Amino acid sequence: MNQERHEMHRVQKFNAGAEEWECHECGRHFIILLEPNFQKVILEKGNENVIHFGGCAELSLGFTQDSEDAGAEEIDEASLEPVQRWLNTIDFESLWK
């Protein structure tokens, strides 16, 4: 219960429904896609010894470090540029209806 906690902040929301989140304290940085299946790409691990949490009007995040990174993949941020451009071109809302 006394473990250090850092607040995550949403940096941007892509047209495709993906969201970019960042911790201003340790630099943790990732992109998540909630629908149709939750996916997360770790851009920067940051401090892996703290609990990260955050939220906005549409979403609340709260993870312990162990469960947060299960199956997550760390990749170079520059390699995501094509993915970010692609995410902004897809109209997921109409696809999911």
C-alpha atoms as a PDB file:
ATOM      1  CA  MET A   1       0.000   0.000   0.000  1.00  0.00           C
ATOM      2  CA  ASN A   2       2.930   2.357   0.543  1.00  0.00           C
ATOM      3  CA  GLN A   3       4.412   1.716  -2.895  1.00  0.00           C
ATOM      4  CA  GLU A   4       5.296   4.854  -4.877  1.00  0.00           C
ATOM      5  CA  ARG A   5       2.663   5.898  -7.439  1.00  0.00           C
ATOM      6  CA  HIS A   6       2.986   7.958 -10.629  1.00  0.00           C
ATOM      7  CA  GLU A   7       0.099   9.502 -12.526  1.00  0.00           C
ATOM      8  CA  MET A   8      -0.175   8.824 -16.257  1.00  0.00           C
ATOM      9  CA  HIS A   9      -1.471  11.594 -18.531  1.00  0.00           C
ATOM     10  CA  ARG A  10      -3.146  11.125 -21.888  1.00  0.00           C
ATOM     11  CA  VAL A  11      -1.008  12.843 -24.522  1.00  0.00           C
ATOM     12  CA  GLN A  12      -3.339  12.353 -27.467  1.00  0.00           C
ATOM     13  CA  LYS A  13      -6.248  10.350 -28.748  1.00  0.00           C
ATOM     14  CA  PHE A  14      -5.966   9.072 -32.323  1.00  0.00           C
ATOM     15  CA  ASN A  15      -8.895   9.043 -34.750  1.00  0.00           C
ATOM     16  CA  ALA A  16      -8.654   5.236 -34.778  1.00  0.00           C
ATOM     17  CA  GLY A  17      -9.424   5.069 -31.052  1.00  0.00           C
ATOM     18  CA  ALA A  18      -5.868   4.428 -29.846  1.00  0.00           C
ATOM     19  CA  GLU A  19      -4.539   6.615 -27.046  1.00  0.00           C
ATOM     20  CA  GLU A  20      -1.026   7.737 -26.164  1.00  0.00           C
ATOM     21  CA  TRP A  21      -0.199   7.970 -22.437  1.00  0.00           C
ATOM     22  CA  GLU A  22       2.888   9.296 -20.629  1.00  0.00           C
ATOM     23  CA  CYS A  23       4.199   9.640 -17.069  1.00  0.00           C
ATOM     24  CA  HIS A  24       5.760  13.065 -16.500  1.00  0.00           C
ATOM     25  CA  GLU A  25       7.687  11.792 -13.455  1.00  0.00           C
ATOM     26  CA  CYS A  26       9.650   8.881 -14.939  1.00  0.00           C
ATOM     27  CA  GLY A  27       9.023   9.030 -18.685  1.00  0.00           C
ATOM     28  CA  ARG A  28       6.886   5.876 -18.958  1.00  0.00           C
ATOM     29  CA  HIS A  29       5.202   6.103 -22.349  1.00  0.00           C
ATOM     30  CA  PHE A  30       2.816   3.798 -24.200  1.00  0.00           C
ATOM     31  CA  ILE A  31      -0.003   3.581 -26.729  1.00  0.00           C
ATOM     32  CA  ILE A  32      -3.167   1.598 -26.024  1.00  0.00           C
ATOM     33  CA  LEU A  33      -6.039   0.456 -28.190  1.00  0.00           C
ATOM     34  CA  LEU A  34      -9.104  -0.563 -26.179  1.00  0.00           C
ATOM     35  CA  GLU A  35     -11.389  -2.011 -28.855  1.00  0.00           C
ATOM     36  CA  PRO A  36     -11.958  -4.513 -30.288  1.00  0.00           C
ATOM     37  CA  ASN A  37      -9.272  -6.191 -28.109  1.00  0.00           C
ATOM     38  CA  PHE A  38      -7.069  -4.405 -25.611  1.00  0.00           C
ATOM     39  CA  GLN A  39      -3.544  -3.883 -26.961  1.00  0.00           C
ATOM     40  CA  LYS A  40      -0.625  -1.899 -25.565  1.00  0.00           C
ATOM     41  CA  VAL A  41       2.727  -0.956 -27.053  1.00  0.00           C
ATOM     42  CA  ILE A  42       5.377   0.229 -24.595  1.00  0.00           C
ATOM     43  CA  LEU A  43       7.403   3.101 -26.048  1.00  0.00           C
ATOM     44  CA  GLU A  44       9.463   3.756 -22.900  1.00  0.00           C
ATOM     45  CA  LYS A  45       9.431   1.603 -19.747  1.00  0.00           C
ATOM     46  CA  GLY A  46      10.153   4.415 -17.288  1.00  0.00           C
ATOM     47  CA  ASN A  47      10.382   3.392 -13.627  1.00  0.00           C
ATOM     48  CA  GLU A  48       9.157  -0.195 -13.437  1.00  0.00           C
ATOM     49  CA  ASN A  49       9.189  -0.196  -9.622  1.00  0.00           C
ATOM     50  CA  VAL A  50       6.217   2.132  -9.151  1.00  0.00           C
ATOM     51  CA  ILE A  51       2.478   1.771  -9.680  1.00  0.00           C
ATOM     52  CA  HIS A  52       1.209   3.860 -12.592  1.00  0.00           C
ATOM     53  CA  PHE A  53      -2.368   5.133 -12.714  1.00  0.00           C
ATOM     54  CA  GLY A  54      -4.311   7.728 -14.632  1.00  0.00           C
ATOM     55  CA  GLY A  55      -7.585   8.639 -16.177  1.00  0.00           C
ATOM     56  CA  CYS A  56      -9.688  11.011 -18.178  1.00  0.00           C
ATOM     57  CA  ALA A  57     -13.413  11.409 -18.698  1.00  0.00           C
ATOM     58  CA  GLU A  58     -13.621   8.318 -20.918  1.00  0.00           C
ATOM     59  CA  LEU A  59     -11.039   6.020 -19.313  1.00  0.00           C
ATOM     60  CA  SER A  60      -9.441   5.159 -16.010  1.00  0.00           C
ATOM     61  CA  LEU A  61      -6.174   3.201 -15.818  1.00  0.00           C
ATOM     62  CA  GLY A  62      -4.861   1.479 -12.743  1.00  0.00           C
ATOM     63  CA  PHE A  63      -2.264  -1.241 -13.021  1.00  0.00           C
ATOM     64  CA  THR A  64       0.214  -3.007 -10.830  1.00  0.00           C
ATOM     65  CA  GLN A  65       3.517  -3.210 -12.606  1.00  0.00           C
ATOM     66  CA  ASP A  66       3.376  -7.008 -12.992  1.00  0.00           C
ATOM     67  CA  SER A  67       0.026  -7.122 -14.759  1.00  0.00           C
ATOM     68  CA  GLU A  68       0.608  -3.946 -16.730  1.00  0.00           C
ATOM     69  CA  ASP A  69       3.471  -5.264 -18.811  1.00  0.00           C
ATOM     70  CA  ALA A  70       2.276  -8.820 -19.347  1.00  0.00           C
ATOM     71  CA  GLY A  71       2.689  -9.409 -23.056  1.00  0.00           C
ATOM     72  CA  ALA A  72       3.697  -5.799 -23.732  1.00  0.00           C
ATOM     73  CA  GLU A  73       6.362  -5.187 -26.321  1.00  0.00           C
ATOM     74  CA  GLU A  74       8.986  -2.437 -26.109  1.00  0.00           C
ATOM     75  CA  ILE A  75       9.799  -0.837 -29.435  1.00  0.00           C
ATOM     76  CA  ASP A  76      11.587   2.219 -30.753  1.00  0.00           C
ATOM     77  CA  GLU A  77       9.253   5.250 -30.819  1.00  0.00           C
ATOM     78  CA  ALA A  78      10.440   6.316 -34.281  1.00  0.00           C
ATOM     79  CA  SER A  79       9.258   2.985 -35.690  1.00  0.00           C
ATOM     80  CA  LEU A  80       5.689   3.853 -34.647  1.00  0.00           C
ATOM     81  CA  GLU A  81       5.365   6.845 -36.976  1.00  0.00           C
ATOM     82  CA  PRO A  82       3.825   4.767 -39.792  1.00  0.00           C
ATOM     83  CA  VAL A  83       1.477   3.137 -37.277  1.00  0.00           C
ATOM     84  CA  GLN A  84       0.402   6.529 -35.942  1.00  0.00           C
ATOM     85  CA  ARG A  85      -0.305   7.789 -39.466  1.00  0.00           C
ATOM     86  CA  TRP A  86      -2.280   4.621 -40.229  1.00  0.00           C
ATOM     87  CA  LEU A  87      -4.290   4.841 -36.985  1.00  0.00           C
ATOM     88  CA  ASN A  88      -5.376   8.370 -37.891  1.00  0.00           C
ATOM     89  CA  THR A  89      -6.727   7.206 -41.262  1.00  0.00           C
ATOM     90  CA  ILE A  90      -8.935   4.359 -40.019  1.00  0.00           C
ATOM     91  CA  ASP A  91     -12.548   5.023 -39.042  1.00  0.00           C
ATOM     92  CA  PHE A  92     -12.899   2.304 -36.408  1.00  0.00           C
ATOM     93  CA  GLU A  93     -16.275   3.617 -35.244  1.00  0.00           C
ATOM     94  CA  SER A  94     -17.969   2.665 -38.506  1.00  0.00           C
ATOM     95  CA  LEU A  95     -16.112  -0.669 -38.611  1.00  0.00           C
ATOM     96  CA  TRP A  96     -17.365  -1.679 -35.164  1.00  0.00           C
ATOM     97  CA  LYS A  97     -21.012  -0.857 -35.859  1.00  0.00           C
END
